């Protein structure tokens, strides 16, 4: 049983898998909302959850991959300038930059959901 969870966690950490998973979850929620739910409010909620799953798995996995690749590029090809600003600040705080972008995106999505569901 331990090997199954180890296998799943290694697949889940794969950026391409998470990217595809986001589109699959969005498509599944859109299919269910269109074909099985007749209440408009529940349809909106399910659609918003599907969009969030798509954003969470697709956009955030691309964002994390992009920040990691920028950092590895500077380590590999620009090692002489790593000690200079703004690269030095980016290298020291790339995890915080990712978290801040994620928080701002989530807050914007909460605001968007509030406006869609209230009106």
C-alpha atoms as a PDB file:
ATOM      1  CA  UNK A   1       0.000   0.000   0.000  1.00  0.00           C
ATOM      2  CA  UNK A   2       2.878   2.330   0.682  1.00  0.00           C
ATOM      3  CA  UNK A   3       4.185   1.957  -2.859  1.00  0.00           C
ATOM      4  CA  UNK A   4       0.821   3.078  -4.330  1.00  0.00           C
ATOM      5  CA  UNK A   5       0.926   6.357  -2.407  1.00  0.00           C
ATOM      6  CA  UNK A   6       4.568   6.855  -3.346  1.00  0.00           C
ATOM      7  CA  UNK A   7       3.730   6.270  -7.006  1.00  0.00           C
ATOM      8  CA  UNK A   8       0.754   8.653  -6.863  1.00  0.00           C
ATOM      9  CA  UNK A   9       2.763  11.400  -5.172  1.00  0.00           C
ATOM     10  CA  UNK A  10       5.501  11.141  -7.793  1.00  0.00           C
ATOM     11  CA  UNK A  11       2.906  11.382 -10.591  1.00  0.00           C
ATOM     12  CA  UNK A  12       1.135  14.271  -8.853  1.00  0.00           C
ATOM     13  CA  UNK A  13       4.363  16.268  -8.640  1.00  0.00           C
ATOM     14  CA  UNK A  14       4.714  16.086 -12.425  1.00  0.00           C
ATOM     15  CA  UNK A  15       3.872  19.501 -13.906  1.00  0.00           C
ATOM     16  CA  UNK A  16       2.466  18.100 -17.148  1.00  0.00           C
ATOM     17  CA  UNK A  17       0.132  15.768 -15.238  1.00  0.00           C
ATOM     18  CA  UNK A  18      -1.202  18.636 -13.125  1.00  0.00           C
ATOM     19  CA  UNK A  19      -1.656  20.783 -16.243  1.00  0.00           C
ATOM     20  CA  UNK A  20      -3.725  18.091 -17.972  1.00  0.00           C
ATOM     21  CA  UNK A  21      -5.613  17.357 -14.726  1.00  0.00           C
ATOM     22  CA  UNK A  22      -6.761  20.996 -14.600  1.00  0.00           C
ATOM     23  CA  UNK A  23      -8.305  20.788 -18.057  1.00  0.00           C
ATOM     24  CA  UNK A  24      -9.911  17.421 -17.298  1.00  0.00           C
ATOM     25  CA  UNK A  25     -11.483  18.687 -14.064  1.00  0.00           C
ATOM     26  CA  UNK A  26     -12.767  21.809 -15.787  1.00  0.00           C
ATOM     27  CA  UNK A  27     -14.249  19.778 -18.634  1.00  0.00           C
ATOM     28  CA  UNK A  28     -15.847  17.324 -16.216  1.00  0.00           C
ATOM     29  CA  UNK A  29     -17.462  20.074 -14.165  1.00  0.00           C
ATOM     30  CA  UNK A  30     -18.727  21.822 -17.314  1.00  0.00           C
ATOM     31  CA  UNK A  31     -20.181  18.538 -18.607  1.00  0.00           C
ATOM     32  CA  UNK A  32     -21.970  17.836 -15.321  1.00  0.00           C
ATOM     33  CA  UNK A  33     -23.220  21.422 -15.033  1.00  0.00           C
ATOM     34  CA  UNK A  34     -24.614  21.442 -18.564  1.00  0.00           C
ATOM     35  CA  UNK A  35     -26.145  17.968 -18.668  1.00  0.00           C
ATOM     36  CA  UNK A  36     -27.296  17.140 -15.146  1.00  0.00           C
ATOM     37  CA  UNK A  37     -27.970  20.309 -13.158  1.00  0.00           C
ATOM     38  CA  UNK A  38     -31.094  22.339 -13.841  1.00  0.00           C
ATOM     39  CA  UNK A  39     -30.783  24.942 -11.065  1.00  0.00           C
ATOM     40  CA  UNK A  40     -29.004  28.078 -12.319  1.00  0.00           C
ATOM     41  CA  UNK A  41     -27.310  28.852  -9.000  1.00  0.00           C
ATOM     42  CA  UNK A  42     -25.903  25.327  -8.622  1.00  0.00           C
ATOM     43  CA  UNK A  43     -24.797  25.419 -12.250  1.00  0.00           C
ATOM     44  CA  UNK A  44     -22.904  28.663 -11.572  1.00  0.00           C
ATOM     45  CA  UNK A  45     -21.292  27.208  -8.429  1.00  0.00           C
ATOM     46  CA  UNK A  46     -20.183  24.036 -10.197  1.00  0.00           C
ATOM     47  CA  UNK A  47     -18.885  26.030 -13.150  1.00  0.00           C
ATOM     48  CA  UNK A  48     -16.905  28.316 -10.847  1.00  0.00           C
ATOM     49  CA  UNK A  49     -15.455  25.306  -9.019  1.00  0.00           C
ATOM     50  CA  UNK A  50     -14.451  23.785 -12.340  1.00  0.00           C
ATOM     51  CA  UNK A  51     -12.810  27.002 -13.466  1.00  0.00           C
ATOM     52  CA  UNK A  52     -10.939  27.200 -10.161  1.00  0.00           C
ATOM     53  CA  UNK A  53      -9.740  23.605 -10.533  1.00  0.00           C
ATOM     54  CA  UNK A  54      -8.523  24.462 -14.010  1.00  0.00           C
ATOM     55  CA  UNK A  55      -6.760  27.577 -12.780  1.00  0.00           C
ATOM     56  CA  UNK A  56      -5.298  25.833  -9.743  1.00  0.00           C
ATOM     57  CA  UNK A  57      -3.869  22.874 -11.577  1.00  0.00           C
ATOM     58  CA  UNK A  58      -3.062  24.438 -14.956  1.00  0.00           C
ATOM     59  CA  UNK A  59      -2.074  28.045 -14.326  1.00  0.00           C
ATOM     60  CA  UNK A  60      -0.353  27.535 -11.000  1.00  0.00           C
ATOM     61  CA  UNK A  61       1.629  24.537 -12.259  1.00  0.00           C
ATOM     62  CA  UNK A  62       2.829  26.608 -15.241  1.00  0.00           C
ATOM     63  CA  UNK A  63       3.674  29.485 -12.903  1.00  0.00           C
ATOM     64  CA  UNK A  64       5.657  27.265 -10.554  1.00  0.00           C
ATOM     65  CA  UNK A  65       7.461  25.640 -13.463  1.00  0.00           C
ATOM     66  CA  UNK A  66       8.275  29.036 -14.989  1.00  0.00           C
ATOM     67  CA  UNK A  67       9.714  30.432 -11.767  1.00  0.00           C
ATOM     68  CA  UNK A  68      11.768  27.273 -11.241  1.00  0.00           C
ATOM     69  CA  UNK A  69      13.096  27.422 -14.806  1.00  0.00           C
ATOM     70  CA  UNK A  70      14.028  31.088 -14.496  1.00  0.00           C
ATOM     71  CA  UNK A  71      15.955  30.312 -11.313  1.00  0.00           C
ATOM     72  CA  UNK A  72      17.722  27.314 -12.859  1.00  0.00           C
ATOM     73  CA  UNK A  73      18.587  29.360 -15.963  1.00  0.00           C
ATOM     74  CA  UNK A  74      20.317  31.992 -13.851  1.00  0.00           C
ATOM     75  CA  UNK A  75      22.181  29.342 -11.877  1.00  0.00           C
ATOM     76  CA  UNK A  76      23.370  27.588 -15.035  1.00  0.00           C
ATOM     77  CA  UNK A  77      23.994  30.427 -17.509  1.00  0.00           C
ATOM     78  CA  UNK A  78      24.257  33.600 -15.462  1.00  0.00           C
ATOM     79  CA  UNK A  79      26.216  32.566 -12.387  1.00  0.00           C
ATOM     80  CA  UNK A  80      28.470  35.620 -12.577  1.00  0.00           C
ATOM     81  CA  UNK A  81      25.536  38.010 -12.073  1.00  0.00           C
ATOM     82  CA  UNK A  82      23.626  36.102  -9.385  1.00  0.00           C
ATOM     83  CA  UNK A  83      25.111  38.326  -6.698  1.00  0.00           C
ATOM     84  CA  UNK A  84      23.687  41.472  -8.347  1.00  0.00           C
ATOM     85  CA  UNK A  85      20.240  42.945  -7.801  1.00  0.00           C
ATOM     86  CA  UNK A  86      17.388  42.153  -9.000  1.00  0.00           C
ATOM     87  CA  UNK A  87      18.567  38.591  -9.730  1.00  0.00           C
ATOM     88  CA  UNK A  88      19.860  38.246  -6.180  1.00  0.00           C
ATOM     89  CA  UNK A  89      16.475  39.227  -4.761  1.00  0.00           C
ATOM     90  CA  UNK A  90      14.665  36.889  -7.140  1.00  0.00           C
ATOM     91  CA  UNK A  91      16.924  33.955  -6.243  1.00  0.00           C
ATOM     92  CA  UNK A  92      16.493  34.597  -2.524  1.00  0.00           C
ATOM     93  CA  UNK A  93      12.718  35.025  -2.642  1.00  0.00           C
ATOM     94  CA  UNK A  94      11.418  32.967  -5.576  1.00  0.00           C
ATOM     95  CA  UNK A  95       9.199  30.819  -3.322  1.00  0.00           C
ATOM     96  CA  UNK A  96       7.698  33.947  -1.769  1.00  0.00           C
ATOM     97  CA  UNK A  97       7.132  35.467  -5.216  1.00  0.00           C
ATOM     98  CA  UNK A  98       5.230  32.328  -6.239  1.00  0.00           C
ATOM     99  CA  UNK A  99       3.132  32.398  -3.050  1.00  0.00           C
ATOM    100  CA  UNK A 100       2.329  36.117  -3.440  1.00  0.00           C
ATOM    101  CA  UNK A 101       1.192  35.671  -7.051  1.00  0.00           C
ATOM    102  CA  UNK A 102      -0.910  32.703  -5.949  1.00  0.00           C
ATOM    103  CA  UNK A 103      -2.510  34.662  -3.087  1.00  0.00           C
ATOM    104  CA  UNK A 104      -3.317  37.658  -5.310  1.00  0.00           C
ATOM    105  CA  UNK A 105      -4.808  35.346  -7.942  1.00  0.00           C
ATOM    106  CA  UNK A 106      -6.920  33.547  -5.342  1.00  0.00           C
ATOM    107  CA  UNK A 107      -8.177  36.815  -3.869  1.00  0.00           C
ATOM    108  CA  UNK A 108      -9.104  38.062  -7.325  1.00  0.00           C
ATOM    109  CA  UNK A 109     -10.947  34.804  -8.029  1.00  0.00           C
ATOM    110  CA  UNK A 110     -12.858  35.060  -4.741  1.00  0.00           C
ATOM    111  CA  UNK A 111     -13.881  38.589  -5.720  1.00  0.00           C
ATOM    112  CA  UNK A 112     -14.943  37.365  -9.155  1.00  0.00           C
ATOM    113  CA  UNK A 113     -16.964  34.481  -7.663  1.00  0.00           C
ATOM    114  CA  UNK A 114     -18.697  36.838  -5.258  1.00  0.00           C
ATOM    115  CA  UNK A 115     -19.718  39.114  -8.123  1.00  0.00           C
ATOM    116  CA  UNK A 116     -20.933  36.228 -10.283  1.00  0.00           C
ATOM    117  CA  UNK A 117     -22.952  34.562  -7.530  1.00  0.00           C
ATOM    118  CA  UNK A 118     -24.496  37.726  -6.083  1.00  0.00           C
ATOM    119  CA  UNK A 119     -25.642  39.224  -9.380  1.00  0.00           C
END
